[in-house]
Structure formats: C-alpha cells, structure tokens
Amino acid sequence: MKPKKVGILTAGGLAPCLSSAIGDLIQRYSEIDPSIEIICYLGGYKGLLLGQSVKVDANMRLNAHVLLKYGGSPIGNSRVKLTNVKDCVKRGLVKEGQDPQKVAADQLVKDGVDVLHTIGGDDTNTAAADLAKFLKENNYELTVIGLPKTIDNDVYPITQSLGAWTAAEEGAKYFWNVVSESTANPRMLIIHEVMGRNCGWLTAKTAHEYRKMLKNAEWLPSIGVSQKRRDVHAIFIPEMEIDIKKEAARLKKIMDEEDCVNIFISEGAGVKTIVAEMEARGESVPRDAFGHVKLDAVNPGKWFGSQFAEMLGAEKVLVQKSGYFARAAASNAADLNLIKSCADLAVECAMRREGGVIGHDEDQGCVLRAIEFERIKGGKPFNTSFEWFQNMLAEIGQK
C-alpha cells in the first residue's frame, strides 16, 4: 500500500549529499505521486522528538532541484541516540521517565507519517534500525528507509556511501592551496588532517585525488615549482602500522632535499596511543552521546606534528584540517548520480513499504537494494590492498 505521508530527516555530521538527497526525494515523490504529503523534521532526531517539522509545499516541490546545488542540510542535523535515554533527558528532548523511541514513534503516528526517510551515517541508521525494530515490536504501521551518508565510507555492507567521493575531491582542492605555505618558511612540516575516525578511506582517496591534480599540472623545477616539493610524502591511516622512527628517517631525507615535508593523516590515526597517554596523565577524554572520543579534543594532527618535528629538524609545523571544508560542499557529478539512483530506489521501496538502507550490497554482488537494518554497522576498515592505493604508496616511497 502506497504511503499517504512521508517524513524526511538528516542526522549526524554533514556530508556532501544531504541537501541533494532531500531534493531528489522530493522530486521523485512529486513525479510519481504528488498527492503524497512530505514533511521534513528539523534538526534530525531532535526535531522528531520535539515535534518540529516543516511541510514541503508546492513551491518547494517545484524548486527542489535548487537543493542539488548546495552543501549542508537545509533542514538541519543533530547527534541524538534514541536509546541513550539519559542523554535525551539531559538535553531536554524527552521528560524523565519517557522512552525516546516511544516518543519518536508516537510523534510519527501523530503526524500521520507512513514512511520515514533517514539520511545519515552508521549512527543515524543504527538509530533508525533501533526505531524500526521498536515500531515492529509495538505494532506501529510505519516503514523506515535509510540513505547512507558518511564521508568516511565505512558502513558495512555498503560499497560506496553518499558524499564520500565529493569530500575526497574537495579535500584535494583544499590542500592544493595549503601546500603553498611551504614556501613561507624553510624546513616546513605540513600535516593535512583528514576526517576518518576508524577508516582511512577518505585520507587515502583525498591523497589520490590530490595527486591526480599534481600529475595534470605544469611545473618549473628550476625555480622550485616542482611536483616533488608539493607531493604527498607520507600517508598515515588507522589500518596501517606506523613505525615513526623508520618513517622519520625516510622523511628527513626529503626535508633535506626539498626543504619541506607534507603528510596526510586520518584523524583516527594514532588515537589509541594518544588516548592512552592522556589517561596515563590522569586527563579525562571527552566523548559524545554515542561514546565516541571527541577527536577535536584529542587533536591527532598536533600529536603527529610534535612527534616528527624534532626528528625532521622542522623549523615550523603547520597542521591543517580539511574536514569542515570538504564535508560542507555541494555534491559533485559522481555523487549526484549515485544519490539520484539511491533516492529513486528509496521511493520505489516506499511505494511497496519495504524498509532498509539503500546501497550497493557488497555481500550480494554490489546490487543496489534495500539492505536489512540488522546488517548495517559502522567501522568498516579501508582495504589497503586496493591496487590504486598500493601503487600510490610505492610512488611516494612509503612502500
């Protein structure tokens, strides 16, 4: 039975797909059956719990294509875990004694929503899975359909999450400018910290996209404008063991020859070591509602900079983070195609009331389908054996 009313929410951190996905969903519903009502919850699960939403009117439907040109989320995000009752109470999202899942379910019923589209990463879709399970166990007639957003590209069993390609491309553009800072100071060490808590895919892909730009550029080595000087000299990601002393010896030679060293690191690289050091000093480690270490408080880029500075004889260390720049971008062409195909299937699934997370299923021949919620989880590591990655390590001398 087709839905009469659908709800849309975005949650978690930003990715270059949220606005586009909303636009595509609105456009597809309007094409298939404009009589289906659409509302958007404001601020993710926070808005759902508080009953804050906006109706998609005729003007929004007519101009939904505009959303494909923007980054961010026009309806807002938040990090809320429905099963973390204590946090929801503390933030004033539910009252003492209330179950956030029941509050969310009751609000959906009150709003007359038949299908809820959640656009988010593993935390968002894990929360959606918990909500879908609660709805089923308590006989709520409502279908939840997720779209996989995360620039980390680390969701099982999804081949490619929405927005990740764009984030890598934007991170490369960011560093294209930052690397010129090496001309501002002798013996400069530049640390490019890329988002990626447990997975190094984005760091690796950002470096790969950046090096594509280098290979297509013109150079004038006789006056110092060389590819070697502006290249990526090391890549450190959570999936790789790092021998700091060995790497320092290799990078010291590059520093002596090029007067600079450029390192790409994942924000999750070395975190276990840093956290252990902080706890050994008796320092508290800040964590979010999902129990994740707050990486801005740990500051891996600064830690790596301090580790290498003395060993390389660096006169200046510059730590630059491309994460917020990259994740807030509008979707590129590749992501727009992926997002549209996923959004179109999401609407098809809604029409037949089939729940799940839309993505290419790695366990089923990478077919695009509604993947069962219970199979969705985060923390998928980057496969370092990919040929393109191994070739890149060999080219920069890290292999």
Protein backbone atom coordinates (compact mmCIF):
# COMPACT_ATOMS: atom_id res chain seq x y z
CA MET A 1 0.00 0.00 0.00
CA LYS A 2 1.48 3.34 -1.03
CA PRO A 3 2.16 5.89 1.70
CA LYS A 4 -0.08 8.89 2.23
CA LYS A 5 2.55 10.92 4.04
CA VAL A 6 6.34 10.62 4.30
CA GLY A 7 8.83 12.21 6.65
CA ILE A 8 12.47 13.07 5.95
CA LEU A 9 15.25 13.76 8.43
CA THR A 10 19.02 14.20 8.23
CA ALA A 11 21.29 13.45 11.16
CA GLY A 12 24.90 13.18 12.31
CA GLY A 13 27.73 15.18 10.78
CA LEU A 14 27.48 16.83 7.39
CA ALA A 15 28.36 15.16 4.09
CA PRO A 16 28.12 16.47 0.52
CA CYS A 17 24.86 14.65 -0.16
CA LEU A 18 22.27 15.71 2.40
CA SER A 19 20.75 18.64 0.52
CA SER A 20 20.90 16.71 -2.77
CA ALA A 21 19.24 13.64 -1.28
CA ILE A 22 16.39 15.73 0.12
CA GLY A 23 15.96 17.40 -3.27
CA ASP A 24 15.97 14.08 -5.12
CA LEU A 25 13.44 12.51 -2.75
CA ILE A 26 11.08 15.47 -3.10
CA GLN A 27 11.42 15.47 -6.88
CA ARG A 28 10.84 11.71 -7.20
CA TYR A 29 7.77 11.69 -4.98
CA SER A 30 6.40 14.65 -6.91
CA GLU A 31 6.96 12.81 -10.22
CA ILE A 32 5.41 9.52 -9.09
CA ASP A 33 2.51 10.80 -6.99
CA PRO A 34 2.27 14.48 -5.99
CA SER A 35 -0.66 13.64 -3.71
CA ILE A 36 1.73 12.05 -1.22
CA GLU A 37 2.42 14.60 1.52
CA ILE A 38 6.01 15.26 2.60
CA ILE A 39 7.25 16.79 5.84
CA CYS A 40 10.83 17.36 6.96
CA TYR A 41 11.83 17.10 10.62
CA LEU A 42 14.08 19.95 11.72
CA GLY A 43 17.39 19.09 13.33
CA GLY A 44 17.29 15.32 12.81
CA TYR A 45 16.01 13.08 15.61
CA LYS A 46 15.93 16.15 17.85
CA GLY A 47 13.17 17.63 15.71
CA LEU A 48 11.33 14.32 15.64
CA LEU A 49 11.34 14.09 19.44
CA LEU A 50 10.18 17.70 19.80
CA GLY A 51 7.63 17.51 17.00
CA GLN A 52 9.33 20.22 14.97
CA SER A 53 8.81 19.87 11.21
CA VAL A 54 8.12 21.80 8.03
CA LYS A 55 5.68 20.82 5.29
CA VAL A 56 7.01 20.56 1.75
CA ASP A 57 4.67 22.87 -0.16
CA ALA A 58 4.05 23.30 -3.89
CA ASN A 59 6.81 25.88 -4.25
CA MET A 60 9.37 23.59 -2.58
CA ARG A 61 8.34 20.75 -4.89
CA LEU A 62 8.65 22.94 -7.98
CA ASN A 63 12.10 24.20 -6.97
CA ALA A 64 13.53 21.12 -5.26
CA HIS A 65 16.26 20.99 -7.94
CA VAL A 66 17.87 24.02 -6.24
CA LEU A 67 18.81 21.80 -3.30
CA LEU A 68 21.12 19.78 -5.55
CA LYS A 69 23.38 22.83 -5.86
CA TYR A 70 24.07 23.24 -2.14
CA GLY A 71 26.01 21.57 0.63
CA GLY A 72 24.91 21.18 4.23
CA SER A 73 21.39 20.22 5.20
CA PRO A 74 18.57 22.75 4.72
CA ILE A 75 16.56 21.02 7.46
CA GLY A 76 19.40 20.79 9.99
CA ASN A 77 21.24 17.97 11.76
CA SER A 78 21.89 16.83 15.33
CA ARG A 79 23.58 13.92 17.06
CA VAL A 80 20.89 12.15 19.06
CA LYS A 81 20.85 8.48 20.05
CA LEU A 82 17.29 7.42 20.82
CA THR A 83 18.44 4.54 23.02
CA ASN A 84 20.58 6.88 25.14
CA VAL A 85 17.74 7.86 27.45
CA LYS A 86 19.94 9.72 29.93
CA ASP A 87 21.38 11.99 27.22
CA CYS A 88 17.93 12.69 25.72
CA VAL A 89 16.59 13.67 29.16
CA LYS A 90 19.63 15.81 29.92
CA ARG A 91 19.19 17.73 26.66
CA GLY A 92 15.50 18.32 27.30
CA LEU A 93 14.39 16.23 24.34
CA VAL A 94 12.19 13.96 26.49
CA LYS A 95 10.92 14.10 30.05
CA GLU A 96 12.16 11.99 32.93
CA GLY A 97 10.59 8.54 32.69
CA GLN A 98 9.85 8.75 28.96
CA ASP A 99 11.28 6.33 26.39
CA PRO A 100 12.71 8.38 23.48
CA GLN A 101 11.85 5.64 21.00
CA LYS A 102 8.20 5.68 22.07
CA VAL A 103 8.16 9.48 21.98
CA ALA A 104 9.56 9.36 18.41
CA ALA A 105 7.10 6.64 17.37
CA ASP A 106 4.14 8.48 18.88
CA GLN A 107 5.16 11.69 17.12
CA LEU A 108 5.30 9.89 13.77
CA VAL A 109 1.83 8.49 14.41
CA LYS A 110 0.56 11.91 15.48
CA ASP A 111 1.94 13.42 12.28
CA GLY A 112 0.36 10.65 10.20
CA VAL A 113 3.69 9.58 8.70
CA ASP A 114 3.66 6.22 6.89
CA VAL A 115 7.30 6.21 5.72
CA LEU A 116 10.31 7.84 7.39
CA HIS A 117 13.44 8.51 5.32
CA THR A 118 16.59 8.86 7.45
CA ILE A 119 19.66 10.27 5.73
CA GLY A 120 22.78 9.71 7.78
CA GLY A 121 25.80 7.59 8.63
CA ASP A 122 26.10 4.41 10.64
CA ASP A 123 24.97 6.09 13.87
CA THR A 124 21.91 7.58 12.15
CA ASN A 125 20.96 4.31 10.50
CA THR A 126 21.72 2.30 13.64
CA ALA A 127 19.28 4.62 15.41
CA ALA A 128 16.87 4.08 12.51
CA ALA A 129 17.31 0.32 12.88
CA ASP A 130 16.55 0.55 16.60
CA LEU A 131 13.48 2.65 15.82
CA ALA A 132 12.31 0.26 13.08
CA LYS A 133 12.68 -2.67 15.48
CA PHE A 134 10.74 -0.80 18.19
CA LEU A 135 7.98 0.07 15.72
CA LYS A 136 7.66 -3.54 14.60
CA GLU A 137 7.67 -4.95 18.13
CA ASN A 138 4.99 -2.47 19.19
CA ASN A 139 2.80 -2.89 16.10
CA TYR A 140 3.28 0.58 14.64
CA GLU A 141 2.42 0.58 10.93
CA LEU A 142 5.38 2.60 9.69
CA THR A 143 8.30 1.91 7.32
CA VAL A 144 11.80 3.30 7.85
CA ILE A 145 14.11 3.68 4.82
CA GLY A 146 17.68 4.91 5.26
CA LEU A 147 20.15 6.53 2.88
CA PRO A 148 23.85 6.01 3.76
CA LYS A 149 25.66 9.28 4.35
CA THR A 150 29.25 9.33 5.58
CA ILE A 151 32.41 10.79 4.12
CA ASP A 152 34.36 8.06 5.93
CA ASN A 153 32.85 5.45 3.56
CA ASP A 154 32.95 2.92 6.39
CA VAL A 155 29.48 1.36 6.54
CA TYR A 156 29.00 -2.41 6.29
CA PRO A 157 27.99 -3.82 3.79
CA ILE A 158 27.71 -0.73 1.57
CA THR A 159 30.18 -0.34 -1.28
CA GLN A 160 30.04 3.45 -1.54
CA SER A 161 28.37 5.86 0.87
CA LEU A 162 26.84 9.08 -0.37
CA GLY A 163 29.04 12.18 -0.37
CA ALA A 164 32.39 10.45 0.11
CA TRP A 165 33.63 10.96 -3.45
CA THR A 166 32.92 14.69 -3.22
CA ALA A 167 34.62 15.00 0.16
CA ALA A 168 37.81 13.44 -1.22
CA GLU A 169 37.80 15.77 -4.21
CA GLU A 170 37.17 18.84 -2.04
CA GLY A 171 39.90 17.83 0.42
CA ALA A 172 42.32 17.63 -2.50
CA LYS A 173 41.33 21.15 -3.63
CA TYR A 174 41.85 22.38 -0.08
CA PHE A 175 45.38 21.03 0.11
CA TRP A 176 46.25 22.40 -3.33
CA ASN A 177 46.26 25.86 -1.73
CA VAL A 178 47.58 24.87 1.69
CA VAL A 179 50.70 23.23 0.27
CA SER A 180 51.92 26.61 -0.99
CA GLU A 181 52.53 27.55 2.66
CA SER A 182 55.73 25.51 2.40
CA THR A 183 57.20 28.49 0.53
CA ALA A 184 56.57 30.77 3.51
CA ASN A 185 59.11 29.17 5.81
CA PRO A 186 62.24 27.00 5.46
CA ARG A 187 62.01 23.37 6.61
CA MET A 188 58.24 23.38 6.82
CA LEU A 189 56.31 20.34 8.02
CA ILE A 190 52.68 20.39 6.87
CA ILE A 191 50.23 17.96 8.42
CA HIS A 192 46.99 17.58 6.48
CA GLU A 193 44.48 16.02 8.88
CA VAL A 194 41.56 14.40 7.07
CA MET A 195 38.35 13.15 8.66
CA GLY A 196 38.08 9.41 9.30
CA ARG A 197 37.64 8.08 12.82
CA ASN A 198 38.22 4.37 12.22
CA CYS A 199 38.63 4.21 8.47
CA GLY A 200 41.41 5.58 6.28
CA TRP A 201 39.45 5.54 3.00
CA LEU A 202 38.89 9.31 2.88
CA THR A 203 42.52 10.12 3.65
CA ALA A 204 43.74 7.68 1.03
CA LYS A 205 41.24 8.86 -1.58
CA THR A 206 41.93 12.54 -0.84
CA ALA A 207 45.65 11.93 -1.37
CA HIS A 208 44.85 10.03 -4.56
CA GLU A 209 42.65 12.85 -5.90
CA TYR A 210 45.27 15.44 -4.95
CA ARG A 211 48.00 13.52 -6.76
CA LYS A 212 45.80 13.40 -9.88
CA MET A 213 45.85 17.19 -9.78
CA LEU A 214 49.64 17.17 -9.44
CA LYS A 215 50.06 14.86 -12.42
CA ASN A 216 47.99 17.18 -14.61
CA ALA A 217 49.84 20.34 -13.57
CA GLU A 218 52.70 22.24 -15.23
CA TRP A 219 55.98 22.64 -13.35
CA LEU A 220 59.10 24.82 -13.32
CA PRO A 221 61.59 22.90 -11.11
CA SER A 222 64.48 25.27 -11.85
CA ILE A 223 62.85 27.87 -9.60
CA GLY A 224 61.39 25.44 -7.06
CA VAL A 225 57.95 24.84 -8.55
CA SER A 226 58.21 21.06 -8.61
CA GLN A 227 55.86 18.14 -8.18
CA LYS A 228 58.18 16.51 -5.62
CA ARG A 229 58.05 19.57 -3.35
CA ARG A 230 54.25 19.72 -3.44
CA ASP A 231 53.67 15.97 -3.37
CA VAL A 232 52.28 13.82 -0.58
CA HIS A 233 55.30 12.43 1.24
CA ALA A 234 53.54 10.14 3.73
CA ILE A 235 50.05 8.77 4.41
CA PHE A 236 49.09 7.55 7.88
CA ILE A 237 45.75 5.82 8.40
CA PRO A 238 44.26 3.66 11.19
CA GLU A 239 44.61 0.44 9.15
CA MET A 240 48.40 0.74 8.88
CA GLU A 241 51.08 0.22 11.50
CA ILE A 242 53.28 3.29 11.81
CA ASP A 243 56.98 2.94 12.55
CA ILE A 244 57.63 6.55 13.45
CA LYS A 245 61.41 6.25 13.70
CA LYS A 246 61.67 4.49 10.34
CA GLU A 247 59.37 6.99 8.68
CA ALA A 248 61.20 9.89 10.28
CA ALA A 249 64.48 8.70 8.78
CA ARG A 250 62.89 8.50 5.31
CA LEU A 251 61.15 11.85 5.64
CA LYS A 252 64.30 13.56 6.99
CA LYS A 253 65.97 12.93 3.61
CA ILE A 254 63.02 14.55 1.83
CA MET A 255 63.14 17.51 4.21
CA ASP A 256 66.87 17.96 3.50
CA GLU A 257 66.30 17.78 -0.27
CA GLU A 258 63.01 19.66 -0.68
CA ASP A 259 63.01 21.95 2.39
CA CYS A 260 59.52 20.68 3.27
CA VAL A 261 57.51 17.55 4.10
CA ASN A 262 53.79 17.03 3.52
CA ILE A 263 51.94 14.34 5.50
CA PHE A 264 48.31 13.22 5.10
CA ILE A 265 46.82 11.60 8.22
CA SER A 266 43.40 10.30 9.18
CA GLU A 267 42.01 11.97 12.29
CA GLY A 268 41.68 8.48 13.77
CA ALA A 269 45.32 7.51 13.18
CA GLY A 270 47.22 7.11 16.43
CA VAL A 271 44.14 7.87 18.58
CA LYS A 272 44.54 4.79 20.77
CA THR A 273 48.10 5.84 21.62
CA ILE A 274 47.08 9.45 22.27
CA VAL A 275 44.14 8.45 24.49
CA ALA A 276 46.36 6.07 26.45
CA GLU A 277 48.86 8.90 27.03
CA MET A 278 46.08 11.27 28.16
CA GLU A 279 44.61 8.73 30.58
CA ALA A 280 48.06 7.90 31.92
CA ARG A 281 48.41 11.59 32.79
CA GLY A 282 45.06 11.46 34.56
CA GLU A 283 43.30 13.58 31.94
CA SER A 284 39.64 12.91 31.08
CA VAL A 285 38.85 12.04 27.46
CA PRO A 286 35.69 13.82 26.20
CA ARG A 287 33.15 11.58 24.40
CA ASP A 288 29.91 12.23 22.50
CA ALA A 289 26.42 10.73 23.03
CA PHE A 290 27.45 7.63 21.08
CA GLY A 291 30.55 7.08 23.23
CA HIS A 292 32.97 8.19 20.52
CA VAL A 293 36.12 10.06 21.55
CA LYS A 294 35.79 13.74 20.57
CA LEU A 295 38.66 13.92 18.10
CA ASP A 296 38.99 17.71 18.23
CA ALA A 297 39.90 17.34 21.90
CA VAL A 298 42.47 14.62 21.15
CA ASN A 299 43.97 16.53 18.20
CA PRO A 300 45.89 13.80 16.28
CA GLY A 301 47.36 16.29 13.80
CA LYS A 302 49.10 18.22 16.56
CA TRP A 303 50.33 14.98 18.12
CA PHE A 304 51.88 13.75 14.85
CA GLY A 305 53.40 17.17 14.29
CA SER A 306 55.11 17.10 17.68
CA GLN A 307 56.34 13.53 17.08
CA PHE A 308 58.01 14.37 13.77
CA ALA A 309 59.10 17.99 14.20
CA GLU A 310 62.32 17.36 16.11
CA MET A 311 63.26 14.21 14.20
CA LEU A 312 62.92 16.03 10.86
CA GLY A 313 64.51 19.23 12.07
CA ALA A 314 61.42 21.19 11.11
CA GLU A 315 61.53 24.94 11.77
CA LYS A 316 57.77 25.26 11.56
CA VAL A 317 54.87 22.83 11.83
CA LEU A 318 51.55 23.68 10.20
CA VAL A 319 48.51 21.49 10.95
CA GLN A 320 45.58 22.00 8.60
CA LYS A 321 42.22 20.21 8.72
CA SER A 322 40.13 19.97 5.56
CA GLY A 323 37.18 18.18 7.16
CA TYR A 324 34.69 21.01 7.57
CA PHE A 325 35.60 22.46 4.18
CA ALA A 326 35.13 19.09 2.45
CA ARG A 327 32.03 17.82 4.21
CA ALA A 328 30.01 21.01 3.67
CA ALA A 329 30.47 21.06 -0.11
CA ALA A 330 27.74 20.52 -2.69
CA SER A 331 27.72 17.08 -4.35
CA ASN A 332 29.95 16.54 -7.38
CA ALA A 333 28.73 14.85 -10.58
CA ALA A 334 29.64 11.33 -9.47
CA ASP A 335 27.83 11.72 -6.16
CA LEU A 336 24.80 13.33 -7.80
CA ASN A 337 24.40 10.23 -9.98
CA LEU A 338 24.79 7.90 -7.00
CA ILE A 339 22.41 9.93 -4.84
CA LYS A 340 19.71 10.03 -7.52
CA SER A 341 19.85 6.27 -8.07
CA CYS A 342 19.58 5.66 -4.32
CA ALA A 343 16.81 8.21 -3.83
CA ASP A 344 14.82 6.79 -6.74
CA LEU A 345 15.06 3.28 -5.27
CA ALA A 346 14.16 4.63 -1.82
CA VAL A 347 10.92 5.99 -3.23
CA GLU A 348 10.23 2.72 -5.06
CA CYS A 349 10.73 0.86 -1.78
CA ALA A 350 8.44 3.32 -0.03
CA MET A 351 5.68 2.63 -2.54
CA ARG A 352 5.82 -1.08 -1.67
CA ARG A 353 6.57 -0.39 2.01
CA GLU A 354 9.95 -2.12 2.03
CA GLY A 355 12.29 -0.92 4.76
CA GLY A 356 16.08 -0.98 4.92
CA VAL A 357 19.11 1.11 3.99
CA ILE A 358 19.57 1.82 0.28
CA GLY A 359 23.02 0.95 -1.03
CA HIS A 360 25.11 -1.35 -3.18
CA ASP A 361 25.27 -4.55 -1.15
CA GLU A 362 28.84 -5.91 -1.06
CA ASP A 363 27.59 -9.29 0.14
CA GLN A 364 25.20 -9.65 -2.79
CA GLY A 365 27.27 -8.76 -5.82
CA CYS A 366 27.14 -5.00 -5.16
CA VAL A 367 23.49 -4.90 -6.29
CA LEU A 368 21.64 -1.69 -5.35
CA ARG A 369 18.94 -2.72 -2.91
CA ALA A 370 17.28 -2.06 0.44
CA ILE A 371 19.75 -3.66 2.83
CA GLU A 372 18.34 -5.10 6.02
CA PHE A 373 18.86 -2.79 9.00
CA GLU A 374 20.33 -5.52 11.18
CA ARG A 375 23.22 -5.87 8.70
CA ILE A 376 24.14 -2.18 8.86
CA LYS A 377 27.03 -1.19 11.08
CA GLY A 378 29.90 1.27 11.02
CA GLY A 379 33.64 0.83 11.43
CA LYS A 380 34.31 -0.92 8.12
CA PRO A 381 38.08 -0.63 7.56
CA PHE A 382 39.64 0.61 4.36
CA ASN A 383 41.01 -2.19 2.21
CA THR A 384 44.67 -1.22 1.92
CA SER A 385 45.29 -3.92 -0.70
CA PHE A 386 43.50 -1.90 -3.40
CA GLU A 387 45.87 -1.59 -6.35
CA TRP A 388 45.44 2.18 -6.65
CA PHE A 389 46.46 2.63 -3.00
CA GLN A 390 49.45 0.30 -3.15
CA ASN A 391 50.65 1.99 -6.33
CA MET A 392 50.39 5.38 -4.63
CA LEU A 393 52.42 4.22 -1.63
CA ALA A 394 55.08 2.89 -3.99
CA GLU A 395 55.18 6.16 -5.94
CA ILE A 396 55.72 8.29 -2.84
CA GLY A 397 58.35 5.89 -1.47
CA GLN A 398 56.38 4.70 1.53
CA LYS A 399 56.29 1.09 0.36
